N, C-alpha and C. Protein backbone atom coordinates (compact mmCIF):
# COMPACT_ATOMS: atom_id res chain seq x y z
N UNK A 1 3.02 -29.32 -27.13
CA UNK A 1 2.61 -28.99 -25.79
C UNK A 1 2.06 -30.24 -25.11
N UNK A 2 2.52 -30.52 -23.90
CA UNK A 2 2.02 -31.66 -23.14
C UNK A 2 0.58 -31.42 -22.73
N UNK A 3 -0.16 -32.52 -22.50
CA UNK A 3 -1.55 -32.40 -22.07
C UNK A 3 -1.68 -31.59 -20.79
N UNK A 4 -0.78 -31.84 -19.83
CA UNK A 4 -0.90 -31.11 -18.57
C UNK A 4 -0.54 -29.64 -18.72
N UNK A 5 0.22 -29.27 -19.77
CA UNK A 5 0.48 -27.86 -20.04
C UNK A 5 -0.81 -27.17 -20.44
N UNK A 6 -1.60 -27.84 -21.26
CA UNK A 6 -2.84 -27.25 -21.72
C UNK A 6 -3.83 -27.08 -20.58
N UNK A 7 -3.76 -27.93 -19.56
CA UNK A 7 -4.70 -27.85 -18.46
C UNK A 7 -4.29 -26.81 -17.42
N UNK A 8 -3.07 -26.35 -17.45
CA UNK A 8 -2.62 -25.33 -16.50
C UNK A 8 -3.00 -23.95 -17.00
N UNK A 9 -3.46 -23.13 -16.09
CA UNK A 9 -3.77 -21.75 -16.45
C UNK A 9 -2.56 -20.87 -16.17
N UNK A 10 -2.39 -19.86 -16.99
CA UNK A 10 -1.30 -18.91 -16.81
C UNK A 10 -1.48 -18.17 -15.48
N UNK A 11 -0.39 -17.97 -14.76
CA UNK A 11 -0.41 -17.21 -13.51
C UNK A 11 0.45 -15.96 -13.72
N UNK A 12 -0.19 -14.80 -13.80
CA UNK A 12 0.60 -13.58 -14.00
C UNK A 12 1.40 -13.22 -12.75
N UNK A 13 2.63 -12.80 -12.95
CA UNK A 13 3.51 -12.39 -11.86
C UNK A 13 3.65 -10.87 -11.85
N UNK A 14 4.02 -10.34 -10.71
CA UNK A 14 4.31 -8.92 -10.58
C UNK A 14 5.82 -8.77 -10.63
N UNK A 15 6.29 -8.07 -11.66
CA UNK A 15 7.73 -7.98 -11.94
C UNK A 15 8.19 -6.53 -11.90
N UNK A 16 9.28 -6.29 -11.17
CA UNK A 16 9.90 -4.96 -11.12
C UNK A 16 11.14 -4.96 -12.01
N UNK A 17 11.33 -3.87 -12.74
CA UNK A 17 12.48 -3.73 -13.64
C UNK A 17 13.40 -2.64 -13.11
N UNK A 18 14.66 -2.98 -12.94
CA UNK A 18 15.67 -2.03 -12.48
C UNK A 18 16.74 -1.86 -13.54
N UNK A 19 16.94 -0.64 -13.98
CA UNK A 19 18.04 -0.34 -14.89
C UNK A 19 19.15 0.31 -14.07
N UNK A 20 20.34 -0.25 -14.17
CA UNK A 20 21.50 0.28 -13.45
C UNK A 20 22.36 1.00 -14.48
N UNK A 21 22.44 2.33 -14.34
CA UNK A 21 23.18 3.12 -15.32
C UNK A 21 23.45 4.52 -14.78
N UNK A 22 24.61 5.04 -15.09
CA UNK A 22 24.95 6.42 -14.74
C UNK A 22 24.42 7.40 -15.78
N UNK A 23 23.98 6.88 -16.92
CA UNK A 23 23.65 7.78 -18.03
C UNK A 23 22.22 7.66 -18.56
N UNK A 24 21.49 6.62 -18.24
CA UNK A 24 20.16 6.40 -18.82
C UNK A 24 19.07 7.16 -18.08
N UNK A 25 18.02 7.49 -18.87
CA UNK A 25 16.77 8.01 -18.32
C UNK A 25 15.66 7.13 -18.88
N UNK A 26 14.44 7.26 -18.38
CA UNK A 26 13.35 6.43 -18.89
C UNK A 26 13.17 6.60 -20.39
N UNK A 27 13.42 7.79 -20.89
CA UNK A 27 13.22 8.07 -22.32
C UNK A 27 14.19 7.29 -23.21
N UNK A 28 15.41 7.05 -22.74
CA UNK A 28 16.39 6.36 -23.60
C UNK A 28 16.85 5.01 -23.02
N UNK A 29 16.06 4.47 -22.12
CA UNK A 29 16.37 3.17 -21.50
C UNK A 29 15.84 2.04 -22.38
N UNK A 30 16.58 1.72 -23.43
CA UNK A 30 16.14 0.69 -24.38
C UNK A 30 16.02 -0.68 -23.72
N UNK A 31 16.99 -1.06 -22.91
CA UNK A 31 16.98 -2.39 -22.30
C UNK A 31 15.82 -2.55 -21.32
N UNK A 32 15.61 -1.55 -20.48
CA UNK A 32 14.49 -1.59 -19.55
C UNK A 32 13.16 -1.65 -20.27
N UNK A 33 13.05 -0.88 -21.35
CA UNK A 33 11.81 -0.87 -22.14
C UNK A 33 11.57 -2.22 -22.81
N UNK A 34 12.62 -2.83 -23.31
CA UNK A 34 12.50 -4.17 -23.91
C UNK A 34 11.94 -5.16 -22.88
N UNK A 35 12.46 -5.13 -21.67
CA UNK A 35 12.00 -6.05 -20.63
C UNK A 35 10.54 -5.76 -20.25
N UNK A 36 10.18 -4.49 -20.11
CA UNK A 36 8.80 -4.13 -19.79
C UNK A 36 7.86 -4.61 -20.89
N UNK A 37 8.22 -4.33 -22.14
CA UNK A 37 7.37 -4.74 -23.26
C UNK A 37 7.19 -6.25 -23.30
N UNK A 38 8.26 -6.99 -23.06
CA UNK A 38 8.19 -8.45 -23.13
C UNK A 38 7.40 -9.04 -21.96
N UNK A 39 7.60 -8.54 -20.76
CA UNK A 39 6.87 -9.11 -19.63
C UNK A 39 5.38 -8.82 -19.76
N UNK A 40 5.03 -7.63 -20.25
CA UNK A 40 3.62 -7.31 -20.44
C UNK A 40 3.01 -8.13 -21.58
N UNK A 41 3.76 -8.32 -22.65
CA UNK A 41 3.27 -9.14 -23.77
C UNK A 41 3.03 -10.59 -23.33
N UNK A 42 3.81 -11.05 -22.36
CA UNK A 42 3.67 -12.41 -21.85
C UNK A 42 2.49 -12.54 -20.88
N UNK A 43 1.92 -11.41 -20.45
CA UNK A 43 0.76 -11.45 -19.55
C UNK A 43 1.07 -11.11 -18.11
N UNK A 44 2.31 -10.75 -17.82
CA UNK A 44 2.69 -10.37 -16.46
C UNK A 44 2.40 -8.88 -16.23
N UNK A 45 2.52 -8.44 -14.99
CA UNK A 45 2.29 -7.04 -14.63
C UNK A 45 3.60 -6.37 -14.24
N UNK A 46 3.76 -5.14 -14.69
CA UNK A 46 4.91 -4.34 -14.26
C UNK A 46 4.55 -3.78 -12.89
N UNK A 47 5.26 -4.26 -11.86
CA UNK A 47 4.97 -3.84 -10.48
C UNK A 47 5.64 -2.50 -10.16
N UNK A 48 6.81 -2.27 -10.76
CA UNK A 48 7.54 -1.02 -10.52
C UNK A 48 8.70 -0.98 -11.50
N UNK A 49 9.24 0.21 -11.68
CA UNK A 49 10.39 0.39 -12.57
C UNK A 49 11.23 1.53 -12.02
N UNK A 50 12.54 1.34 -12.04
CA UNK A 50 13.43 2.38 -11.53
C UNK A 50 14.74 2.36 -12.30
N UNK A 51 15.41 3.50 -12.26
CA UNK A 51 16.76 3.62 -12.79
C UNK A 51 17.61 4.14 -11.64
N UNK A 52 18.70 3.43 -11.36
CA UNK A 52 19.62 3.88 -10.31
C UNK A 52 21.04 3.93 -10.87
N UNK A 53 21.86 4.75 -10.25
CA UNK A 53 23.26 4.88 -10.64
C UNK A 53 24.03 3.61 -10.29
N UNK A 54 25.20 3.46 -10.90
CA UNK A 54 26.08 2.33 -10.62
C UNK A 54 26.72 2.52 -9.25
N UNK A 55 25.94 2.30 -8.22
CA UNK A 55 26.39 2.49 -6.85
C UNK A 55 25.83 1.35 -6.00
N UNK A 56 26.69 0.64 -5.30
CA UNK A 56 26.27 -0.53 -4.53
C UNK A 56 25.13 -0.19 -3.57
N UNK A 57 25.27 0.89 -2.83
CA UNK A 57 24.25 1.27 -1.86
C UNK A 57 22.92 1.58 -2.50
N UNK A 58 22.94 2.32 -3.61
CA UNK A 58 21.69 2.68 -4.30
C UNK A 58 21.00 1.45 -4.88
N UNK A 59 21.78 0.57 -5.49
CA UNK A 59 21.22 -0.65 -6.09
C UNK A 59 20.61 -1.52 -4.99
N UNK A 60 21.38 -1.75 -3.95
CA UNK A 60 20.93 -2.61 -2.86
C UNK A 60 19.69 -2.04 -2.17
N UNK A 61 19.67 -0.75 -1.98
CA UNK A 61 18.52 -0.10 -1.33
C UNK A 61 17.25 -0.26 -2.15
N UNK A 62 17.35 -0.03 -3.45
CA UNK A 62 16.18 -0.17 -4.32
C UNK A 62 15.65 -1.60 -4.30
N UNK A 63 16.53 -2.56 -4.47
CA UNK A 63 16.09 -3.95 -4.55
C UNK A 63 15.62 -4.46 -3.19
N UNK A 64 16.26 -4.05 -2.12
CA UNK A 64 15.80 -4.45 -0.78
C UNK A 64 14.37 -3.96 -0.55
N UNK A 65 14.08 -2.75 -0.96
CA UNK A 65 12.71 -2.24 -0.83
C UNK A 65 11.72 -3.09 -1.60
N UNK A 66 12.12 -3.55 -2.79
CA UNK A 66 11.23 -4.40 -3.58
C UNK A 66 11.08 -5.78 -2.95
N UNK A 67 12.16 -6.33 -2.40
CA UNK A 67 12.09 -7.64 -1.76
C UNK A 67 11.10 -7.60 -0.59
N UNK A 68 11.07 -6.50 0.11
CA UNK A 68 10.19 -6.35 1.28
C UNK A 68 8.73 -6.19 0.90
N UNK A 69 8.45 -5.86 -0.33
CA UNK A 69 7.07 -5.68 -0.77
C UNK A 69 6.43 -7.03 -1.10
N UNK A 70 5.23 -7.24 -0.59
CA UNK A 70 4.49 -8.48 -0.86
C UNK A 70 3.96 -8.54 -2.29
N UNK A 71 3.87 -7.39 -2.96
CA UNK A 71 3.27 -7.36 -4.30
C UNK A 71 4.31 -7.47 -5.41
N UNK A 72 5.54 -7.83 -5.09
CA UNK A 72 6.58 -8.03 -6.12
C UNK A 72 7.11 -9.45 -6.00
N UNK A 73 6.96 -10.22 -7.09
CA UNK A 73 7.42 -11.61 -7.14
C UNK A 73 8.82 -11.74 -7.71
N UNK A 74 9.15 -10.87 -8.65
CA UNK A 74 10.38 -10.99 -9.43
C UNK A 74 10.99 -9.60 -9.63
N UNK A 75 12.31 -9.53 -9.54
CA UNK A 75 13.06 -8.34 -9.89
C UNK A 75 14.00 -8.73 -11.03
N UNK A 76 13.98 -7.94 -12.10
CA UNK A 76 14.94 -8.14 -13.19
C UNK A 76 15.73 -6.85 -13.32
N UNK A 77 17.05 -6.97 -13.18
CA UNK A 77 17.89 -5.80 -13.39
C UNK A 77 18.60 -5.92 -14.72
N UNK A 78 18.96 -4.77 -15.27
CA UNK A 78 19.74 -4.71 -16.49
C UNK A 78 20.86 -3.70 -16.28
N UNK A 79 22.07 -4.12 -16.60
CA UNK A 79 23.22 -3.25 -16.47
C UNK A 79 24.08 -3.57 -15.25
N UNK A 80 25.35 -3.21 -15.36
CA UNK A 80 26.27 -3.35 -14.23
C UNK A 80 26.80 -4.75 -14.00
N UNK A 81 26.71 -5.63 -15.02
CA UNK A 81 27.18 -7.01 -14.83
C UNK A 81 28.51 -7.27 -15.55
N UNK A 82 29.14 -6.23 -16.03
CA UNK A 82 30.40 -6.39 -16.74
C UNK A 82 31.59 -6.39 -15.79
N UNK A 83 32.74 -6.01 -16.33
CA UNK A 83 33.99 -6.11 -15.59
C UNK A 83 34.62 -4.77 -15.22
N UNK A 84 34.02 -3.66 -15.65
CA UNK A 84 34.64 -2.37 -15.36
C UNK A 84 34.45 -2.00 -13.89
N UNK A 85 35.16 -0.99 -13.48
CA UNK A 85 35.08 -0.55 -12.09
C UNK A 85 33.69 -0.09 -11.69
N UNK A 86 32.90 0.42 -12.64
CA UNK A 86 31.56 0.90 -12.33
C UNK A 86 30.52 -0.22 -12.35
N UNK A 87 30.87 -1.40 -12.82
CA UNK A 87 29.93 -2.53 -12.89
C UNK A 87 29.84 -3.20 -11.52
N UNK A 88 28.83 -2.80 -10.72
CA UNK A 88 28.75 -3.29 -9.34
C UNK A 88 27.40 -3.94 -9.00
N UNK A 89 26.58 -4.21 -10.01
CA UNK A 89 25.28 -4.82 -9.72
C UNK A 89 25.42 -6.17 -9.04
N UNK A 90 26.32 -7.00 -9.54
CA UNK A 90 26.51 -8.33 -8.96
C UNK A 90 26.96 -8.22 -7.51
N UNK A 91 27.89 -7.34 -7.22
CA UNK A 91 28.36 -7.16 -5.85
C UNK A 91 27.23 -6.66 -4.95
N UNK A 92 26.40 -5.77 -5.47
CA UNK A 92 25.30 -5.22 -4.68
C UNK A 92 24.24 -6.26 -4.37
N UNK A 93 23.92 -7.10 -5.34
CA UNK A 93 22.78 -8.00 -5.17
C UNK A 93 23.15 -9.40 -4.70
N UNK A 94 24.31 -9.88 -5.05
CA UNK A 94 24.70 -11.22 -4.61
C UNK A 94 24.68 -11.32 -3.09
N UNK A 95 25.02 -10.25 -2.42
CA UNK A 95 25.00 -10.24 -0.96
C UNK A 95 23.61 -10.36 -0.37
N UNK A 96 22.58 -10.11 -1.17
CA UNK A 96 21.20 -10.25 -0.71
C UNK A 96 20.67 -11.67 -0.91
N UNK A 97 21.29 -12.41 -1.83
CA UNK A 97 20.80 -13.76 -2.17
C UNK A 97 20.91 -14.71 -0.99
N UNK A 98 19.84 -15.44 -0.74
CA UNK A 98 19.89 -16.54 0.20
C UNK A 98 20.25 -17.82 -0.53
N UNK A 99 19.87 -17.86 -1.80
CA UNK A 99 20.23 -18.97 -2.68
C UNK A 99 20.59 -18.37 -4.04
N UNK A 100 21.68 -18.85 -4.63
CA UNK A 100 22.04 -18.42 -5.97
C UNK A 100 21.48 -19.43 -6.97
N UNK A 101 21.00 -18.93 -8.10
CA UNK A 101 20.48 -19.80 -9.15
C UNK A 101 21.61 -19.96 -10.18
N UNK A 102 22.53 -20.87 -9.89
CA UNK A 102 23.73 -21.05 -10.71
C UNK A 102 23.40 -21.36 -12.17
N UNK A 103 22.35 -22.14 -12.38
CA UNK A 103 22.00 -22.55 -13.74
C UNK A 103 21.58 -21.39 -14.63
N UNK A 104 21.12 -20.30 -14.04
CA UNK A 104 20.74 -19.13 -14.85
C UNK A 104 21.95 -18.60 -15.60
N UNK A 105 23.05 -18.43 -14.88
CA UNK A 105 24.27 -17.92 -15.51
C UNK A 105 24.75 -18.89 -16.60
N UNK A 106 24.73 -20.17 -16.30
CA UNK A 106 25.16 -21.18 -17.26
C UNK A 106 24.31 -21.13 -18.52
N UNK A 107 22.99 -21.10 -18.34
CA UNK A 107 22.08 -21.06 -19.49
C UNK A 107 22.29 -19.77 -20.29
N UNK A 108 22.46 -18.66 -19.58
CA UNK A 108 22.67 -17.38 -20.27
C UNK A 108 23.93 -17.44 -21.13
N UNK A 109 25.01 -18.00 -20.60
CA UNK A 109 26.26 -18.09 -21.36
C UNK A 109 26.13 -19.05 -22.55
N UNK A 110 25.36 -20.12 -22.39
CA UNK A 110 25.15 -21.04 -23.51
C UNK A 110 24.43 -20.34 -24.66
N UNK A 111 23.43 -19.55 -24.32
CA UNK A 111 22.67 -18.81 -25.34
C UNK A 111 23.55 -17.75 -25.98
N UNK A 112 24.30 -17.02 -25.15
CA UNK A 112 25.17 -15.95 -25.65
C UNK A 112 26.29 -16.48 -26.53
N UNK A 113 26.78 -17.66 -26.21
CA UNK A 113 27.88 -18.25 -26.98
C UNK A 113 27.53 -18.32 -28.46
N UNK A 114 26.30 -18.73 -28.74
CA UNK A 114 25.87 -18.86 -30.14
C UNK A 114 25.79 -17.51 -30.85
N UNK A 115 25.66 -16.44 -30.10
CA UNK A 115 25.50 -15.11 -30.71
C UNK A 115 26.79 -14.31 -30.71
N UNK A 116 27.55 -14.36 -29.59
CA UNK A 116 28.74 -13.51 -29.49
C UNK A 116 30.02 -14.28 -29.20
N UNK A 117 29.92 -15.61 -29.19
CA UNK A 117 31.12 -16.43 -29.01
C UNK A 117 31.80 -16.20 -27.67
N UNK A 118 33.12 -16.16 -27.71
CA UNK A 118 33.89 -16.07 -26.47
C UNK A 118 33.66 -14.76 -25.72
N UNK A 119 33.10 -13.75 -26.34
CA UNK A 119 32.84 -12.49 -25.65
C UNK A 119 31.87 -12.66 -24.49
N UNK A 120 31.13 -13.77 -24.47
CA UNK A 120 30.21 -14.01 -23.36
C UNK A 120 30.93 -14.11 -22.01
N UNK A 121 32.22 -14.44 -22.02
CA UNK A 121 32.93 -14.55 -20.75
C UNK A 121 33.03 -13.22 -20.01
N UNK A 122 32.76 -12.11 -20.67
CA UNK A 122 32.83 -10.81 -20.03
C UNK A 122 31.55 -10.47 -19.26
N UNK A 123 30.54 -11.30 -19.36
CA UNK A 123 29.28 -11.06 -18.64
C UNK A 123 29.25 -11.82 -17.33
N UNK A 124 28.71 -11.16 -16.31
CA UNK A 124 28.51 -11.81 -15.03
C UNK A 124 27.02 -11.91 -14.72
N UNK A 125 26.22 -12.21 -15.74
CA UNK A 125 24.78 -12.39 -15.54
C UNK A 125 24.59 -13.42 -14.43
N UNK A 126 23.70 -13.12 -13.51
CA UNK A 126 23.50 -14.00 -12.37
C UNK A 126 22.06 -13.92 -11.89
N UNK A 127 21.70 -14.78 -10.96
CA UNK A 127 20.35 -14.77 -10.40
C UNK A 127 20.36 -15.42 -9.03
N UNK A 128 19.33 -15.09 -8.26
CA UNK A 128 19.21 -15.68 -6.94
C UNK A 128 17.84 -15.45 -6.35
N UNK A 129 17.69 -15.93 -5.14
CA UNK A 129 16.44 -15.77 -4.39
C UNK A 129 16.77 -15.01 -3.12
N UNK A 130 15.95 -14.01 -2.82
CA UNK A 130 16.07 -13.26 -1.57
C UNK A 130 14.68 -13.13 -0.97
N UNK A 131 14.53 -13.60 0.26
CA UNK A 131 13.19 -13.64 0.85
C UNK A 131 12.36 -14.60 0.02
N UNK A 132 11.28 -14.12 -0.53
CA UNK A 132 10.48 -14.95 -1.44
C UNK A 132 10.40 -14.27 -2.81
N UNK A 133 11.51 -13.64 -3.21
CA UNK A 133 11.58 -12.90 -4.47
C UNK A 133 12.71 -13.45 -5.34
N UNK A 134 12.40 -13.66 -6.60
CA UNK A 134 13.44 -14.02 -7.57
C UNK A 134 14.11 -12.73 -8.04
N UNK A 135 15.44 -12.80 -8.21
CA UNK A 135 16.20 -11.66 -8.73
C UNK A 135 17.07 -12.17 -9.87
N UNK A 136 16.92 -11.53 -11.03
CA UNK A 136 17.70 -11.89 -12.21
C UNK A 136 18.49 -10.67 -12.66
N UNK A 137 19.80 -10.81 -12.82
CA UNK A 137 20.68 -9.71 -13.22
C UNK A 137 21.17 -9.95 -14.64
N UNK A 138 20.67 -9.13 -15.55
CA UNK A 138 21.04 -9.23 -16.96
C UNK A 138 22.01 -8.12 -17.34
N UNK A 139 22.80 -8.34 -18.37
CA UNK A 139 23.66 -7.26 -18.86
C UNK A 139 22.82 -6.08 -19.37
N UNK A 140 23.49 -4.98 -19.63
CA UNK A 140 22.81 -3.77 -20.04
C UNK A 140 22.48 -3.66 -21.51
N UNK A 141 22.99 -4.55 -22.34
CA UNK A 141 22.74 -4.41 -23.77
C UNK A 141 21.33 -4.89 -24.13
N UNK A 142 20.67 -4.21 -25.07
CA UNK A 142 19.34 -4.65 -25.49
C UNK A 142 19.33 -6.09 -25.98
N UNK A 143 20.36 -6.51 -26.70
CA UNK A 143 20.43 -7.88 -27.20
C UNK A 143 20.48 -8.90 -26.07
N UNK A 144 21.25 -8.60 -25.04
CA UNK A 144 21.35 -9.51 -23.90
C UNK A 144 20.02 -9.59 -23.16
N UNK A 145 19.30 -8.48 -23.06
CA UNK A 145 17.99 -8.50 -22.40
C UNK A 145 16.98 -9.31 -23.20
N UNK A 146 17.02 -9.16 -24.51
CA UNK A 146 16.14 -9.98 -25.37
C UNK A 146 16.46 -11.45 -25.20
N UNK A 147 17.75 -11.80 -25.23
CA UNK A 147 18.16 -13.19 -25.08
C UNK A 147 17.76 -13.75 -23.72
N UNK A 148 18.01 -13.01 -22.66
CA UNK A 148 17.68 -13.47 -21.32
C UNK A 148 16.19 -13.70 -21.15
N UNK A 149 15.37 -12.78 -21.67
CA UNK A 149 13.92 -12.96 -21.55
C UNK A 149 13.43 -14.06 -22.50
N UNK A 150 13.76 -13.93 -23.79
CA UNK A 150 13.19 -14.82 -24.79
C UNK A 150 13.62 -16.27 -24.61
N UNK A 151 14.86 -16.48 -24.17
CA UNK A 151 15.39 -17.84 -24.12
C UNK A 151 15.37 -18.49 -22.74
N UNK A 152 15.15 -17.70 -21.68
CA UNK A 152 15.14 -18.29 -20.33
C UNK A 152 13.90 -17.85 -19.56
N UNK A 153 13.79 -16.56 -19.31
CA UNK A 153 12.79 -16.07 -18.37
C UNK A 153 11.35 -16.23 -18.86
N UNK A 154 11.13 -16.07 -20.14
CA UNK A 154 9.76 -16.20 -20.65
C UNK A 154 9.17 -17.56 -20.27
N UNK A 155 9.94 -18.62 -20.46
CA UNK A 155 9.47 -19.96 -20.12
C UNK A 155 9.50 -20.22 -18.61
N UNK A 156 10.58 -19.86 -17.95
CA UNK A 156 10.69 -20.17 -16.53
C UNK A 156 9.73 -19.36 -15.65
N UNK A 157 9.22 -18.24 -16.17
CA UNK A 157 8.23 -17.45 -15.43
C UNK A 157 6.82 -17.74 -15.93
N UNK A 158 6.65 -18.85 -16.62
CA UNK A 158 5.33 -19.27 -17.12
C UNK A 158 4.97 -20.60 -16.46
N UNK A 159 3.91 -20.58 -15.67
CA UNK A 159 3.47 -21.75 -14.92
C UNK A 159 3.15 -22.94 -15.82
N UNK A 160 2.83 -22.66 -17.07
CA UNK A 160 2.47 -23.74 -18.01
C UNK A 160 3.70 -24.46 -18.57
N UNK A 161 4.89 -23.89 -18.39
CA UNK A 161 6.11 -24.49 -18.95
C UNK A 161 6.46 -25.77 -18.20
N UNK A 162 6.70 -26.81 -18.96
CA UNK A 162 7.04 -28.11 -18.38
C UNK A 162 8.42 -28.55 -18.86
N UNK A 163 9.15 -29.32 -18.11
CA UNK A 163 8.68 -30.11 -16.97
C UNK A 163 8.64 -29.34 -15.66
N UNK A 164 9.29 -28.17 -15.57
CA UNK A 164 9.22 -27.40 -14.33
C UNK A 164 9.49 -25.94 -14.64
N UNK A 165 9.18 -25.08 -13.68
CA UNK A 165 9.36 -23.65 -13.87
C UNK A 165 9.48 -22.98 -12.51
N UNK A 166 9.87 -21.72 -12.50
CA UNK A 166 10.04 -20.98 -11.25
C UNK A 166 8.71 -20.67 -10.56
N UNK A 167 7.63 -20.57 -11.33
CA UNK A 167 6.34 -20.16 -10.77
C UNK A 167 5.79 -21.20 -9.81
N UNK A 168 5.93 -22.48 -10.16
CA UNK A 168 5.33 -23.52 -9.31
C UNK A 168 5.98 -23.62 -7.94
N UNK A 169 7.23 -23.17 -7.80
CA UNK A 169 7.86 -23.21 -6.47
C UNK A 169 7.85 -21.84 -5.79
N UNK A 170 7.33 -20.83 -6.45
CA UNK A 170 7.29 -19.48 -5.87
C UNK A 170 6.64 -19.45 -4.48
N UNK A 171 5.51 -20.13 -4.26
CA UNK A 171 4.90 -20.08 -2.92
C UNK A 171 5.78 -20.69 -1.82
N UNK A 172 6.76 -21.50 -2.21
CA UNK A 172 7.61 -22.18 -1.22
C UNK A 172 8.95 -21.48 -1.00
N UNK A 173 9.22 -20.41 -1.72
CA UNK A 173 10.52 -19.73 -1.57
C UNK A 173 10.72 -19.20 -0.17
N UNK A 174 9.65 -18.77 0.46
CA UNK A 174 9.76 -18.16 1.78
C UNK A 174 9.55 -19.11 2.93
N UNK A 175 9.65 -20.41 2.70
CA UNK A 175 9.42 -21.38 3.77
C UNK A 175 10.31 -21.13 4.99
N UNK A 176 11.55 -20.77 4.75
CA UNK A 176 12.48 -20.51 5.86
C UNK A 176 12.02 -19.31 6.68
N UNK A 177 11.35 -18.35 6.04
CA UNK A 177 10.86 -17.19 6.76
C UNK A 177 9.69 -17.58 7.66
N UNK A 178 8.86 -18.50 7.18
CA UNK A 178 7.74 -18.97 7.98
C UNK A 178 8.22 -19.74 9.20
N UNK A 179 9.27 -20.55 9.04
CA UNK A 179 9.82 -21.30 10.16
C UNK A 179 10.35 -20.37 11.24
N UNK A 180 10.96 -19.27 10.81
CA UNK A 180 11.50 -18.31 11.78
C UNK A 180 10.39 -17.66 12.58
N UNK A 181 9.25 -17.39 11.94
CA UNK A 181 8.13 -16.75 12.62
C UNK A 181 7.44 -17.73 13.56
N UNK A 182 7.38 -19.01 13.13
CA UNK A 182 6.60 -20.02 13.85
C UNK A 182 7.23 -20.55 15.05
């Protein structure tokens, strides 16, 4: 750990978890529960949690509501990132992004490659920024959610992580919104 890492205090974020599924309920939502357990273990707060059907309008409506809330910093979705006709999370949310975080998908595929090899090409895990909210779209499998959190999000959502992280630029994500008001 670098000296400046030790001098930084942890900044807890408010994170909303969205499970996209036609069949899951809170009782059997393993992937959503994995993400909730991990974010809370890391010291963050669960701001909200929802399950919506694989429907572009429903997904977009839920996430838009969260983007508009001042008390939600991050949205993590699970499910709907595959290639079937019902997998529409990427289509629903990419249209909300003002900036896409291309490196998230690249990093996710690098991690997945070591575990599932070429099968990683079937995932469309993605991320972006909308308003002043980070949005991360993970696949629906529990293993993919563990990998996405443990290998990327845990560090990038920790202000102490060096050399850089998403938390330190969070206050500046909405700069364009301030310019519009001013």
